[in-house]
Amino acid sequence: MTDLLYSEEEEALRAAVRDLLADHCDAPGVIARTESDAPHDLAAWKALADGMGLAGLLVPEEKGGQGATHREVAVVLEELGRAVAPVPYLTSAVVATEALLACGDADDLLAELASGRKIGALAVALNVAPGGAFKTVRVEKGTLHGELTAIADAAAADVLLVPAEDGGLYAVDADAVTVTPQTSFDLTRPLATVTLDGAAARRLGAAEPAVRRALRAGAGLLASEQLGLTEWTLTETVRYLKERKQFNRPVGGFQALKHRLAQLWLEVVSLRAAARNAADALATGESDEEVAVAVTVAQAYAAPVAVRAAEEALQLHAGIGMTWEHPIHLYLKRAKADSIAYGTTGAHRAAVAELVDLQAP
């Protein structure tokens, strides 16, 4: 039977990551970064990747990584979600790394990403679902030409993994392309347009299986990030309602609010089970169909719960929740952006229906 409980090692990892983020990603600091030209916190990234070695959790030891599993990565992402940390962990340590693991000639890049010396980004639009169609670029005389939009964390990347129309996945140095920031709803995970005009590139392997594997892992582990931000919004809302008073009574004592919070807590518990199941399925290497079901179920459930929890937090914090200085808006924006990342809820529900042969009448 699958054990979805956290092990002692996973809890120790959680505590270490939470302590680190408390020092690097306090709410005022994250908000200040969203107002600057440098939204990514590279000091926090260096502490995570170099100081703790977390960028290489999915990379085997013989290839320069830690040789851990998706379960440990899920714990890290839960804590990053709790802090809405502006670091490219999901895009580099998960999505780009999984794409490289599917290629046969990328051990040197894997080692660099695992050590944190380089940040990678898969040049596929953030909204593309696992198995979905993705845009490619042209190959002319060994160089790449084209434009790709909605690439998450491209501004922080040192190397881009670019799918081309010849079916190959190419590694391109970020210095060889033009990265233009796009207006992003989630200010802590900025999007950008990547323009390639004769960019030198190195072919790594076939694009289709690499992108499919990367997006599947991204979608499955995104649920853990959504779990983390949902737990923070619920915990913070309960704390606030215990302190805020009306008619000389704590607002949290009103029965109507108790019912809303109790219902939300039940949904968070279910979200935790779905997210842990997806991480465990990715880690244990079950059949492709079982992994696909676990991932799509997690994403079909996670997005609406995360959005609702953030909306409830914003409303129940009343006036202070509407201010820029309070961090709730960061969580709502991340939840909204995550709801279309790696496929919408509707796309995942349709995928689940097809996978389990339960089509709508």
Protein backbone atom coordinates (compact mmCIF):
# COMPACT_ATOMS: atom_id res chain seq x y z
CA MET A 1 0.00 0.00 0.00
CA THR A 2 1.24 3.46 -0.85
CA ASP A 3 2.42 5.43 2.18
CA LEU A 4 1.59 9.12 1.69
CA LEU A 5 2.73 10.17 5.16
CA TYR A 6 5.85 12.28 5.50
CA SER A 7 8.96 10.47 6.65
CA GLU A 8 11.27 11.81 9.37
CA GLU A 9 13.78 12.77 6.69
CA GLU A 10 11.13 14.69 4.76
CA GLU A 11 10.05 16.55 7.88
CA ALA A 12 13.67 17.44 8.63
CA LEU A 13 14.04 18.70 5.08
CA ARG A 14 10.88 20.78 5.49
CA ALA A 15 12.19 22.38 8.68
CA ALA A 16 15.52 23.25 7.07
CA VAL A 17 13.91 24.80 3.99
CA ARG A 18 11.39 26.74 6.08
CA ASP A 19 14.19 28.18 8.25
CA LEU A 20 16.14 29.22 5.17
CA LEU A 21 13.14 30.89 3.56
CA ALA A 22 12.35 32.72 6.80
CA ASP A 23 15.74 34.39 6.46
CA HIS A 24 15.60 35.07 2.71
CA CYS A 25 11.95 35.39 1.65
CA ASP A 26 10.10 37.51 4.18
CA ALA A 27 6.90 39.05 2.83
CA PRO A 28 8.09 42.69 2.70
CA GLY A 29 11.20 41.60 0.82
CA VAL A 30 9.22 39.58 -1.74
CA ILE A 31 6.81 42.48 -2.29
CA ALA A 32 9.72 44.88 -2.75
CA ARG A 33 11.23 42.58 -5.37
CA THR A 34 8.01 42.56 -7.38
CA GLU A 35 8.33 46.34 -7.64
CA SER A 36 11.91 46.17 -8.93
CA ASP A 37 13.57 45.14 -12.19
CA ALA A 38 14.95 42.01 -10.50
CA PRO A 39 11.99 39.92 -9.28
CA HIS A 40 14.04 36.74 -8.83
CA ASP A 41 15.78 36.32 -5.48
CA LEU A 42 19.09 34.88 -6.63
CA ALA A 43 20.53 34.97 -3.10
CA ALA A 44 17.75 32.66 -1.93
CA TRP A 45 18.29 30.49 -5.01
CA LYS A 46 22.02 30.22 -4.26
CA ALA A 47 21.27 29.23 -0.68
CA LEU A 48 18.83 26.55 -1.84
CA ALA A 49 20.86 25.25 -4.76
CA ASP A 50 24.45 25.65 -3.61
CA GLY A 51 24.13 25.82 0.15
CA MET A 52 21.63 22.97 0.58
CA GLY A 53 22.10 21.11 -2.71
CA LEU A 54 18.39 21.08 -3.44
CA ALA A 55 18.67 21.88 -7.16
CA GLY A 56 19.98 18.39 -7.79
CA LEU A 57 17.47 16.31 -5.86
CA LEU A 58 16.14 14.62 -9.01
CA VAL A 59 19.58 14.08 -10.55
CA PRO A 60 21.25 10.69 -9.89
CA GLU A 61 24.41 10.76 -7.79
CA GLU A 62 26.54 9.45 -10.63
CA LYS A 63 25.50 12.50 -12.67
CA GLY A 64 26.33 15.03 -9.99
CA GLY A 65 23.05 15.20 -8.10
CA GLN A 66 21.58 14.06 -4.79
CA GLY A 67 19.76 10.99 -6.08
CA ALA A 68 16.55 11.77 -4.18
CA THR A 69 12.97 11.40 -5.43
CA HIS A 70 9.97 13.49 -6.33
CA ARG A 71 8.68 13.09 -2.76
CA GLU A 72 11.53 15.17 -1.38
CA VAL A 73 11.14 17.71 -4.17
CA ALA A 74 7.45 17.96 -3.30
CA VAL A 75 8.33 18.90 0.28
CA VAL A 76 10.64 21.65 -0.96
CA LEU A 77 7.92 22.97 -3.25
CA GLU A 78 5.39 23.00 -0.42
CA GLU A 79 7.66 25.34 1.50
CA LEU A 80 8.39 27.48 -1.56
CA GLY A 81 4.64 27.78 -2.06
CA ARG A 82 4.14 28.84 1.56
CA ALA A 83 6.62 31.67 1.01
CA VAL A 84 5.66 32.43 -2.63
CA ALA A 85 9.43 32.41 -3.04
CA PRO A 86 10.57 34.15 -6.24
CA VAL A 87 13.09 31.47 -7.20
CA PRO A 88 13.20 29.34 -10.39
CA TYR A 89 13.06 26.03 -8.55
CA LEU A 90 10.09 24.47 -10.32
CA THR A 91 11.25 25.59 -13.76
CA SER A 92 14.93 24.67 -13.37
CA ALA A 93 15.29 21.94 -10.72
CA VAL A 94 12.15 20.11 -11.90
CA VAL A 95 11.00 20.89 -15.44
CA ALA A 96 14.34 21.63 -17.14
CA THR A 97 16.04 18.84 -15.18
CA GLU A 98 13.40 16.28 -16.16
CA ALA A 99 13.77 17.29 -19.81
CA LEU A 100 17.54 16.75 -19.62
CA LEU A 101 17.09 13.39 -17.89
CA ALA A 102 15.09 12.27 -20.93
CA CYS A 103 17.98 13.16 -23.25
CA GLY A 104 20.96 10.94 -23.80
CA ASP A 105 23.63 13.59 -24.22
CA ALA A 106 23.17 16.09 -21.42
CA ASP A 107 25.17 14.87 -18.42
CA ASP A 108 27.33 18.01 -18.35
CA LEU A 109 24.27 20.29 -18.30
CA LEU A 110 22.61 18.11 -15.67
CA ALA A 111 25.63 18.49 -13.40
CA GLU A 112 25.61 22.26 -13.84
CA LEU A 113 21.90 22.53 -13.06
CA ALA A 114 22.25 20.15 -10.11
CA SER A 115 25.02 22.23 -8.58
CA GLY A 116 23.17 25.48 -9.10
CA ARG A 117 25.97 26.88 -11.27
CA LYS A 118 23.41 27.33 -14.03
CA ILE A 119 19.67 27.90 -14.13
CA GLY A 120 17.72 26.15 -16.85
CA ALA A 121 14.35 26.84 -18.43
CA LEU A 122 12.33 24.76 -20.84
CA ALA A 123 11.24 27.09 -23.66
CA VAL A 124 7.64 25.88 -23.73
CA ALA A 125 4.77 28.17 -22.78
CA LEU A 126 3.77 27.81 -19.13
CA ASN A 127 0.15 27.04 -20.01
CA VAL A 128 0.92 23.92 -22.07
CA ALA A 129 -0.44 20.74 -20.48
CA PRO A 130 1.39 17.40 -20.46
CA GLY A 131 0.86 15.85 -23.86
CA GLY A 132 -0.33 19.16 -25.32
CA ALA A 133 0.92 20.78 -28.49
CA PHE A 134 3.83 23.16 -28.06
CA LYS A 135 5.44 25.73 -30.34
CA THR A 136 8.76 25.04 -32.03
CA VAL A 137 11.40 27.13 -33.80
CA ARG A 138 13.08 26.76 -37.19
CA VAL A 139 16.50 25.22 -37.76
CA GLU A 140 18.55 26.89 -40.49
CA LYS A 141 22.19 25.98 -41.11
CA GLY A 142 22.62 24.73 -37.57
CA THR A 143 21.13 27.81 -35.91
CA LEU A 144 17.69 28.47 -34.44
CA HIS A 145 15.19 31.09 -35.57
CA GLY A 146 11.80 31.95 -34.09
CA GLU A 147 9.90 33.42 -31.18
CA LEU A 148 8.47 31.67 -28.13
CA THR A 149 6.14 33.37 -25.68
CA ALA A 150 5.06 32.88 -22.04
CA ILE A 151 8.31 31.21 -20.98
CA ALA A 152 8.44 31.12 -17.19
CA ASP A 153 11.63 32.32 -15.47
CA ALA A 154 13.41 32.85 -18.80
CA ALA A 155 14.86 36.10 -17.43
CA ALA A 156 16.78 34.18 -14.76
CA ALA A 157 17.92 31.31 -17.01
CA ASP A 158 21.49 30.71 -18.11
CA VAL A 159 20.51 28.02 -20.59
CA LEU A 160 17.27 27.49 -22.50
CA LEU A 161 16.04 24.12 -23.72
CA VAL A 162 14.36 24.87 -27.03
CA PRO A 163 12.21 22.45 -29.08
CA ALA A 164 12.71 22.76 -32.83
CA GLU A 165 10.60 21.81 -35.83
CA ASP A 166 13.04 19.04 -36.79
CA GLY A 167 11.95 17.15 -33.65
CA GLY A 168 15.05 17.93 -31.62
CA LEU A 169 15.54 19.59 -28.25
CA TYR A 170 18.39 22.10 -28.30
CA ALA A 171 20.40 23.79 -25.57
CA VAL A 172 20.90 27.50 -26.17
CA ASP A 173 22.89 29.91 -24.01
CA ALA A 174 20.73 32.73 -22.72
CA ASP A 175 23.30 35.23 -24.03
CA ALA A 176 22.51 34.09 -27.59
CA VAL A 177 18.81 35.04 -27.43
CA THR A 178 16.73 38.11 -26.69
CA VAL A 179 14.54 37.82 -23.59
CA THR A 180 11.75 40.39 -23.39
CA PRO A 181 9.68 40.52 -20.18
CA GLN A 182 5.93 40.11 -20.56
CA THR A 183 3.26 41.52 -18.31
CA SER A 184 2.77 38.70 -15.81
CA PHE A 185 -0.14 38.30 -13.42
CA ASP A 186 2.10 36.42 -10.98
CA LEU A 187 4.90 38.87 -10.25
CA THR A 188 6.93 36.21 -8.42
CA ARG A 189 7.16 33.92 -11.47
CA PRO A 190 7.60 36.31 -14.39
CA LEU A 191 7.04 35.32 -18.01
CA ALA A 192 9.04 36.43 -21.01
CA THR A 193 9.20 36.22 -24.78
CA VAL A 194 12.32 34.51 -26.13
CA THR A 195 13.46 35.57 -29.60
CA LEU A 196 16.04 33.47 -31.45
CA ASP A 197 17.68 35.03 -34.48
CA GLY A 198 20.45 32.73 -35.64
CA ALA A 199 21.19 31.41 -32.14
CA ALA A 200 23.88 28.76 -31.93
CA ALA A 201 22.51 25.58 -30.42
CA ARG A 202 23.48 22.07 -29.35
CA ARG A 203 21.12 19.19 -30.03
CA LEU A 204 20.46 17.10 -26.93
CA GLY A 205 17.89 14.59 -28.07
CA ALA A 206 14.29 14.17 -29.16
CA ALA A 207 12.01 17.00 -28.06
CA GLU A 208 8.65 15.24 -27.79
CA PRO A 209 9.46 12.64 -25.08
CA ALA A 210 11.62 15.13 -23.17
CA VAL A 211 8.92 17.82 -23.13
CA ARG A 212 6.21 15.31 -22.24
CA ARG A 213 8.23 14.00 -19.29
CA ALA A 214 9.13 17.50 -18.12
CA LEU A 215 5.57 18.82 -18.25
CA ARG A 216 4.17 15.77 -16.50
CA ALA A 217 6.59 16.21 -13.60
CA GLY A 218 5.94 19.96 -13.57
CA ALA A 219 2.18 19.48 -13.40
CA GLY A 220 2.39 16.78 -10.73
CA LEU A 221 4.73 18.71 -8.45
CA LEU A 222 2.97 22.02 -9.03
CA ALA A 223 0.19 20.55 -6.87
CA SER A 224 2.64 20.50 -3.94
CA GLU A 225 3.39 24.18 -4.46
CA GLN A 226 -0.35 24.87 -4.54
CA LEU A 227 -0.72 22.86 -1.33
CA GLY A 228 1.90 25.00 0.39
CA LEU A 229 0.32 28.30 -0.56
CA THR A 230 -3.14 26.98 0.36
CA GLU A 231 -1.95 25.90 3.81
CA TRP A 232 -0.42 29.34 4.38
CA THR A 233 -3.58 31.19 3.40
CA LEU A 234 -5.74 28.99 5.65
CA THR A 235 -3.37 29.20 8.63
CA GLU A 236 -2.93 32.96 8.28
CA THR A 237 -6.68 33.52 7.96
CA VAL A 238 -7.44 31.45 11.08
CA ARG A 239 -4.77 33.36 13.01
CA TYR A 240 -6.14 36.72 11.90
CA LEU A 241 -9.75 35.86 12.72
CA LYS A 242 -8.74 34.83 16.23
CA GLU A 243 -7.20 38.27 16.78
CA ARG A 244 -9.70 40.54 15.03
CA LYS A 245 -12.71 41.47 17.14
CA GLN A 246 -16.21 42.76 16.46
CA PHE A 247 -18.71 43.54 19.23
CA ASN A 248 -15.93 42.63 21.66
CA ARG A 249 -15.78 39.07 20.30
CA PRO A 250 -13.17 37.40 18.10
CA VAL A 251 -14.50 37.28 14.55
CA GLY A 252 -13.37 33.67 14.29
CA GLY A 253 -15.98 32.73 16.87
CA PHE A 254 -18.88 33.48 14.54
CA GLN A 255 -20.48 30.24 13.39
CA ALA A 256 -20.80 31.21 9.73
CA LEU A 257 -17.05 31.82 9.48
CA LYS A 258 -16.30 28.62 11.35
CA HIS A 259 -18.27 26.68 8.75
CA ARG A 260 -16.41 28.34 5.86
CA LEU A 261 -13.03 27.61 7.41
CA ALA A 262 -13.99 24.03 8.29
CA GLN A 263 -15.04 23.37 4.71
CA LEU A 264 -11.81 24.87 3.44
CA TRP A 265 -9.79 22.74 5.83
CA LEU A 266 -11.45 19.60 4.48
CA GLU A 267 -10.53 20.64 0.95
CA VAL A 268 -6.93 21.31 1.98
CA VAL A 269 -6.68 17.82 3.51
CA SER A 270 -7.94 16.32 0.27
CA LEU A 271 -5.51 18.47 -1.70
CA ARG A 272 -2.64 17.19 0.44
CA ALA A 273 -3.62 13.60 -0.34
CA ALA A 274 -3.85 14.30 -4.08
CA ALA A 275 -0.52 16.16 -4.17
CA ARG A 276 1.28 13.50 -2.16
CA ASN A 277 -0.17 10.77 -4.36
CA ALA A 278 1.10 12.54 -7.49
CA ALA A 279 4.58 12.99 -6.00
CA ASP A 280 4.68 9.36 -4.88
CA ALA A 281 3.54 8.11 -8.29
CA LEU A 282 6.28 10.13 -10.00
CA ALA A 283 8.83 8.83 -7.50
CA THR A 284 7.97 5.15 -7.56
CA GLY A 285 7.99 4.85 -11.34
CA GLU A 286 4.65 3.13 -11.72
CA SER A 287 3.16 2.58 -15.17
CA ASP A 288 2.76 5.61 -17.39
CA GLU A 289 -1.01 5.37 -17.14
CA GLU A 290 -1.02 5.25 -13.33
CA VAL A 291 1.35 8.23 -13.14
CA ALA A 292 -0.76 10.15 -15.64
CA VAL A 293 -3.93 9.51 -13.62
CA ALA A 294 -2.27 10.62 -10.37
CA VAL A 295 -0.90 13.80 -11.94
CA THR A 296 -4.10 14.80 -13.71
CA VAL A 297 -6.26 14.12 -10.65
CA ALA A 298 -3.94 16.25 -8.51
CA GLN A 299 -4.03 19.17 -10.95
CA ALA A 300 -7.77 18.88 -11.58
CA TYR A 301 -8.34 19.24 -7.84
CA ALA A 302 -5.50 21.53 -6.72
CA ALA A 303 -6.12 24.64 -8.82
CA PRO A 304 -9.70 25.47 -7.72
CA VAL A 305 -8.90 24.77 -4.06
CA ALA A 306 -5.83 27.02 -4.10
CA VAL A 307 -7.75 29.84 -5.78
CA ARG A 308 -10.70 29.54 -3.41
CA ALA A 309 -8.44 29.51 -0.34
CA ALA A 310 -6.66 32.66 -1.52
CA GLU A 311 -9.96 34.39 -2.32
CA GLU A 312 -11.37 33.47 1.09
CA ALA A 313 -8.23 34.78 2.78
CA LEU A 314 -8.47 38.06 0.90
CA GLN A 315 -12.13 38.53 1.79
CA LEU A 316 -11.86 37.46 5.44
CA HIS A 317 -8.92 39.78 6.03
CA ALA A 318 -11.31 42.62 5.09
CA GLY A 319 -9.70 46.00 4.42
CA ILE A 320 -6.14 45.05 5.30
CA GLY A 321 -6.27 42.17 2.83
CA MET A 322 -6.85 44.62 0.00
CA THR A 323 -3.66 46.57 0.69
CA TRP A 324 -0.47 46.17 -1.30
CA GLU A 325 1.55 45.90 1.90
CA HIS A 326 -0.21 42.69 2.97
CA PRO A 327 1.15 39.63 1.13
CA ILE A 328 -2.23 38.00 0.42
CA HIS A 329 -2.31 39.46 -3.08
CA LEU A 330 0.90 37.56 -3.88
CA TYR A 331 -0.80 34.28 -2.95
CA LEU A 332 -3.94 35.06 -4.92
CA LYS A 333 -1.92 35.95 -8.01
CA ARG A 334 0.25 32.84 -7.69
CA ALA A 335 -2.86 30.68 -7.22
CA LYS A 336 -4.55 32.22 -10.27
CA ALA A 337 -1.44 31.85 -12.41
CA ASP A 338 -0.89 28.27 -11.23
CA SER A 339 -4.48 27.44 -12.19
CA ILE A 340 -3.51 27.66 -15.88
CA ALA A 341 0.10 26.49 -15.55
CA TYR A 342 0.78 23.11 -17.18
CA GLY A 343 -2.85 22.87 -18.22
CA THR A 344 -6.13 24.25 -16.94
CA THR A 345 -8.47 22.45 -14.56
CA GLY A 346 -10.80 21.72 -17.46
CA ALA A 347 -7.99 20.21 -19.52
CA HIS A 348 -6.97 17.93 -16.67
CA ARG A 349 -10.53 16.86 -15.97
CA ALA A 350 -10.96 15.95 -19.61
CA ALA A 351 -7.69 14.03 -19.47
CA VAL A 352 -8.83 12.12 -16.37
CA ALA A 353 -12.11 11.22 -18.08
CA GLU A 354 -10.23 9.80 -21.04
CA LEU A 355 -7.69 7.95 -18.91
CA VAL A 356 -10.31 6.17 -16.79
CA ASP A 357 -12.81 5.84 -19.64
CA LEU A 358 -15.48 7.93 -17.95
CA GLN A 359 -16.63 10.29 -20.67
CA ALA A 360 -19.40 12.83 -20.20
CA PRO A 361 -22.81 11.66 -21.51
